[in-house]
Amino acid sequence: MASSTPASTKRKAGDTIEASPAAKKISTDIRAVEADGFLFDGEVVSILVGPHGKKFTLHVDPLCSSSDYFKHMLRSSATFLESAKHEVKLLEQSPRVFQLYAQYLYQGKIFSKPGPTVPSSNGEVPLMTETTLLLTAISLADYLQDDDFHNSVIDCLIARSLQTNAWPTTDDSITLSLSSGSSFLVDLIRDFCIYGAHEGWWTNGNVTGETHGEFWASVARGMAKLLKGGGRPSKWVPKNCDYHRHKDGKRCD
């Protein structure tokens, strides 16, 4: 009997967040897989995520279709032990971030939940802010070799940042960006600093160069180029495609 998997609803590379005004609004939907209209059938695999091995049971076909990591590990010709056992261990990954990935596989999109982008004023620091979740998801995309997921997270991060007017430029956020494995994410954060930073960043002592010196040096070089070209535009809106990975080398805008 031929196996079947949920009908693909994955966004094409050219369908950027900016293509629809509604797409720029932060969805208030709760992250959950809506099974209505889908036929869940076919081979499944258990994926144990995090130090406590939280179990996710997902279909093999969409995993292998989206991720080169899973394709090489689970494809029928694979000789990996994981393929024989129908079990994969990702013990160093975050279950919460992987849940975002599982949602993406079945819905073809990412929802950004309303929530704090920075620690609250009373000093309470959430376990993982929404922005941190998205930055960490880029690292997962790199680990799983899933370019489409990478691009969807980039789109969601841009949309959220434009909506909240809060970009991930704290030391912790820059650290996550630099360690994400995605030069495109680093470019996005750098470009925001170049095109969107206000003078207070440089005069209030927040940028000292004591951490991430090379990153801030690249920002300075970018700003110097702008000065030669007539200065910054009055309003900067990033082009999503500039920060996407393109396997075939073709831009999606």
Protein backbone atom coordinates (compact mmCIF):
# COMPACT_ATOMS: atom_id res chain seq x y z
CA MET A 1 0.00 0.00 0.00
CA ALA A 2 1.48 3.31 -1.01
CA SER A 3 2.16 5.65 1.84
CA SER A 4 0.68 9.10 1.88
CA THR A 5 1.66 12.16 3.81
CA PRO A 6 -0.08 15.43 4.60
CA ALA A 7 -0.59 17.60 1.55
CA SER A 8 2.21 20.11 1.28
CA THR A 9 1.32 23.67 2.17
CA LYS A 10 4.91 24.85 2.38
CA ARG A 11 5.51 28.43 1.31
CA LYS A 12 7.52 28.79 -1.86
CA ALA A 13 10.81 30.65 -1.71
CA GLY A 14 9.35 33.60 -3.59
CA ASP A 15 6.44 34.06 -1.22
CA THR A 16 8.09 36.43 1.22
CA ILE A 17 6.41 37.91 4.27
CA GLU A 18 6.26 41.26 2.49
CA ALA A 19 4.00 39.85 -0.26
CA SER A 20 0.93 40.27 1.93
CA PRO A 21 0.10 43.06 4.40
CA ALA A 22 -1.62 40.54 6.62
CA ALA A 23 1.56 38.52 6.78
CA LYS A 24 3.28 41.35 8.61
CA LYS A 25 0.89 41.07 11.53
CA ILE A 26 2.01 38.88 14.37
CA SER A 27 -0.33 35.95 14.54
CA THR A 28 -2.16 35.49 17.83
CA ASP A 29 -2.89 31.87 17.00
CA ILE A 30 -1.65 29.30 19.44
CA ARG A 31 0.98 27.04 17.95
CA ALA A 32 -0.72 23.74 17.25
CA VAL A 33 -1.00 21.36 14.35
CA GLU A 34 -4.51 21.58 12.94
CA ALA A 35 -5.26 18.13 11.59
CA ASP A 36 -8.50 19.10 9.78
CA GLY A 37 -8.31 18.05 6.17
CA PHE A 38 -5.04 16.12 6.49
CA LEU A 39 -4.63 12.37 6.12
CA PHE A 40 -1.92 11.20 8.50
CA ASP A 41 -0.58 7.95 7.11
CA GLY A 42 2.74 6.42 6.22
CA GLU A 43 5.98 5.63 8.00
CA VAL A 44 6.76 7.49 11.22
CA VAL A 45 9.89 7.98 13.31
CA SER A 46 10.41 8.85 16.96
CA ILE A 47 12.66 11.84 17.61
CA LEU A 48 13.97 12.30 21.14
CA VAL A 49 14.83 15.93 21.78
CA GLY A 50 16.60 17.62 24.68
CA PRO A 51 18.47 16.23 27.70
CA HIS A 52 15.33 14.46 28.93
CA GLY A 53 14.52 13.02 25.52
CA LYS A 54 11.10 14.56 24.86
CA LYS A 55 9.49 12.35 22.23
CA PHE A 56 8.14 13.67 18.93
CA THR A 57 6.54 11.20 16.52
CA LEU A 58 6.63 12.58 12.99
CA HIS A 59 6.17 11.29 9.46
CA VAL A 60 9.32 10.29 7.63
CA ASP A 61 8.36 11.66 4.21
CA PRO A 62 7.95 15.35 5.17
CA LEU A 63 11.07 15.14 7.34
CA CYS A 64 13.17 13.80 4.48
CA SER A 65 11.60 16.17 1.98
CA SER A 66 12.44 19.23 4.05
CA SER A 67 15.70 18.34 5.80
CA ASP A 68 18.89 17.00 4.22
CA TYR A 69 19.94 15.80 7.69
CA PHE A 70 16.89 13.54 8.02
CA LYS A 71 17.03 12.55 4.34
CA HIS A 72 20.55 11.18 4.69
CA MET A 73 19.72 9.50 7.98
CA LEU A 74 16.28 8.01 7.27
CA ARG A 75 16.05 7.44 3.54
CA SER A 76 15.42 3.81 2.55
CA SER A 77 19.02 3.31 1.40
CA ALA A 78 20.49 4.69 4.61
CA THR A 79 22.55 2.35 6.76
CA PHE A 80 22.41 4.47 9.92
CA LEU A 81 21.38 2.75 13.12
CA GLU A 82 18.73 5.45 13.58
CA SER A 83 17.06 4.39 10.34
CA ALA A 84 16.86 0.77 11.43
CA LYS A 85 15.51 1.66 14.87
CA HIS A 86 13.13 4.35 13.59
CA GLU A 87 14.45 6.58 16.34
CA VAL A 88 16.62 9.69 16.21
CA LYS A 89 18.20 11.41 19.19
CA LEU A 90 18.70 15.19 19.21
CA LEU A 91 19.62 15.48 22.85
CA GLU A 92 21.45 18.80 22.49
CA GLN A 93 18.52 20.58 20.85
CA SER A 94 15.70 22.46 22.57
CA PRO A 95 12.29 20.68 22.68
CA ARG A 96 10.54 24.04 22.46
CA VAL A 97 12.45 25.00 19.33
CA PHE A 98 11.92 21.57 17.79
CA GLN A 99 8.19 21.91 18.45
CA LEU A 100 8.31 25.02 16.25
CA TYR A 101 9.99 22.92 13.57
CA ALA A 102 7.37 20.16 13.84
CA GLN A 103 4.63 22.78 13.44
CA TYR A 104 6.37 24.14 10.37
CA LEU A 105 6.59 20.69 8.75
CA TYR A 106 2.84 20.18 8.88
CA GLN A 107 1.60 23.75 8.42
CA GLY A 108 4.23 25.20 6.13
CA LYS A 109 4.45 28.40 8.18
CA ILE A 110 5.56 29.73 11.53
CA PHE A 111 3.42 31.59 14.01
CA SER A 112 5.02 34.14 16.30
CA LYS A 113 3.17 34.23 19.59
CA PRO A 114 2.73 37.54 21.42
CA GLY A 115 5.21 37.76 24.23
CA PRO A 116 8.10 39.71 25.71
CA THR A 117 11.02 40.47 23.45
CA VAL A 118 13.14 41.63 26.40
CA PRO A 119 13.13 40.98 30.16
CA SER A 120 10.17 42.58 31.92
CA SER A 121 10.49 45.82 33.86
CA ASN A 122 10.19 44.03 37.20
CA GLY A 123 13.40 42.18 36.49
CA GLU A 124 11.82 38.82 35.73
CA VAL A 125 13.52 37.13 32.79
CA PRO A 126 11.40 34.65 30.82
CA LEU A 127 12.91 31.21 30.20
CA MET A 128 13.09 31.98 26.49
CA THR A 129 11.82 35.13 24.87
CA GLU A 130 10.08 34.89 21.54
CA THR A 131 13.00 36.53 19.75
CA THR A 132 15.45 34.11 21.38
CA LEU A 133 13.26 31.24 20.22
CA LEU A 134 13.48 32.43 16.62
CA LEU A 135 17.23 33.01 16.79
CA THR A 136 17.72 29.51 18.22
CA ALA A 137 15.48 28.12 15.48
CA ILE A 138 17.98 29.41 12.92
CA SER A 139 20.64 27.27 14.62
CA LEU A 140 18.33 24.25 14.41
CA ALA A 141 17.72 24.95 10.71
CA ASP A 142 21.47 24.96 10.14
CA TYR A 143 21.92 21.71 12.10
CA LEU A 144 19.09 19.97 10.21
CA GLN A 145 20.25 21.41 6.86
CA ASP A 146 16.78 22.75 6.15
CA ASP A 147 17.02 25.89 4.04
CA ASP A 148 13.27 26.38 3.69
CA PHE A 149 12.85 26.36 7.46
CA HIS A 150 15.76 28.78 7.76
CA ASN A 151 14.07 31.16 5.32
CA SER A 152 10.70 30.92 7.05
CA VAL A 153 12.28 31.76 10.39
CA ILE A 154 14.06 34.73 8.82
CA ASP A 155 10.72 35.94 7.44
CA CYS A 156 9.06 35.58 10.83
CA LEU A 157 11.91 37.36 12.60
CA ILE A 158 11.75 40.28 10.17
CA ALA A 159 7.96 40.55 10.46
CA ARG A 160 8.09 40.45 14.25
CA SER A 161 10.89 42.99 14.45
CA LEU A 162 9.08 45.42 12.15
CA GLN A 163 5.86 45.00 14.11
CA THR A 164 7.43 45.48 17.55
CA ASN A 165 10.17 47.90 16.42
CA ALA A 166 12.55 45.80 18.50
CA TRP A 167 15.49 44.12 16.81
CA PRO A 168 17.77 41.49 18.38
CA THR A 169 20.81 43.65 19.02
CA THR A 170 21.56 42.81 22.65
CA ASP A 171 24.85 41.10 23.42
CA ASP A 172 23.04 37.80 23.99
CA SER A 173 21.16 38.09 20.70
CA ILE A 174 24.31 38.91 18.78
CA THR A 175 26.04 35.94 20.42
CA LEU A 176 23.22 33.65 19.27
CA SER A 177 23.38 35.12 15.77
CA LEU A 178 27.14 34.68 15.49
CA SER A 179 26.92 31.07 16.68
CA SER A 180 23.87 30.19 14.56
CA GLY A 181 25.80 28.93 11.55
CA SER A 182 23.90 31.38 9.34
CA SER A 183 25.87 34.23 7.82
CA PHE A 184 22.55 35.54 6.48
CA LEU A 185 21.21 36.05 10.01
CA VAL A 186 24.40 37.89 10.97
CA ASP A 187 24.02 40.05 7.87
CA LEU A 188 20.43 40.88 8.81
CA ILE A 189 21.35 42.02 12.32
CA ARG A 190 24.37 43.94 11.02
CA ASP A 191 22.28 45.69 8.38
CA PHE A 192 19.72 46.76 10.93
CA CYS A 193 22.50 48.33 12.98
CA ILE A 194 23.79 50.08 9.87
CA TYR A 195 20.47 51.31 8.50
CA GLY A 196 18.31 51.61 11.60
CA ALA A 197 20.54 52.44 14.56
CA HIS A 198 19.99 55.79 16.24
CA GLU A 199 22.70 58.04 17.62
CA GLY A 200 21.92 57.04 21.20
CA TRP A 201 23.48 53.65 20.55
CA TRP A 202 26.85 55.28 20.13
CA THR A 203 26.59 58.01 22.76
CA ASN A 204 25.05 56.22 25.75
CA GLY A 205 27.87 53.75 26.22
CA ASN A 206 25.89 50.65 25.19
CA VAL A 207 28.29 49.92 22.34
CA THR A 208 31.76 49.70 23.79
CA GLY A 209 33.42 47.19 21.49
CA GLU A 210 34.39 45.09 24.51
CA THR A 211 32.24 42.25 23.15
CA HIS A 212 31.68 41.25 19.54
CA GLY A 213 34.35 43.70 18.41
CA GLU A 214 34.56 42.37 14.84
CA PHE A 215 30.79 42.53 14.48
CA TRP A 216 30.67 46.18 15.53
CA ALA A 217 33.68 46.91 13.32
CA SER A 218 31.72 45.56 10.34
CA VAL A 219 28.81 47.81 11.33
CA ALA A 220 31.16 50.80 11.38
CA ARG A 221 32.51 49.90 7.94
CA GLY A 222 28.98 49.66 6.57
CA MET A 223 28.04 53.04 8.01
CA ALA A 224 31.18 54.57 6.51
CA LYS A 225 30.10 53.33 3.06
CA LEU A 226 26.71 54.97 3.54
CA LEU A 227 28.35 58.29 4.32
CA LYS A 228 30.21 58.12 1.03
CA GLY A 229 26.98 57.39 -0.79
CA GLY A 230 24.86 60.19 0.66
CA GLY A 231 23.76 58.79 3.99
CA ARG A 232 21.04 56.47 5.20
CA PRO A 233 17.53 56.26 3.75
CA SER A 234 14.79 57.84 5.84
CA LYS A 235 13.15 54.44 6.30
CA TRP A 236 14.72 51.02 5.89
CA VAL A 237 12.67 47.88 5.26
CA PRO A 238 14.77 44.77 4.72
CA LYS A 239 14.24 42.64 1.62
CA ASN A 240 13.61 39.15 2.90
CA CYS A 241 15.26 37.49 -0.07
CA ASP A 242 18.59 39.14 0.77
CA TYR A 243 18.76 36.96 3.88
CA HIS A 244 17.47 33.69 2.40
CA ARG A 245 19.48 30.64 1.49
CA HIS A 246 19.05 29.63 -2.17
CA LYS A 247 20.15 26.13 -3.08
CA ASP A 248 19.88 26.77 -6.81
CA GLY A 249 21.43 30.21 -6.58
CA LYS A 250 18.24 31.87 -7.85
CA ARG A 251 16.82 34.73 -5.85
CA CYS A 252 13.21 34.48 -4.71
CA ASP A 253 12.19 38.14 -5.11
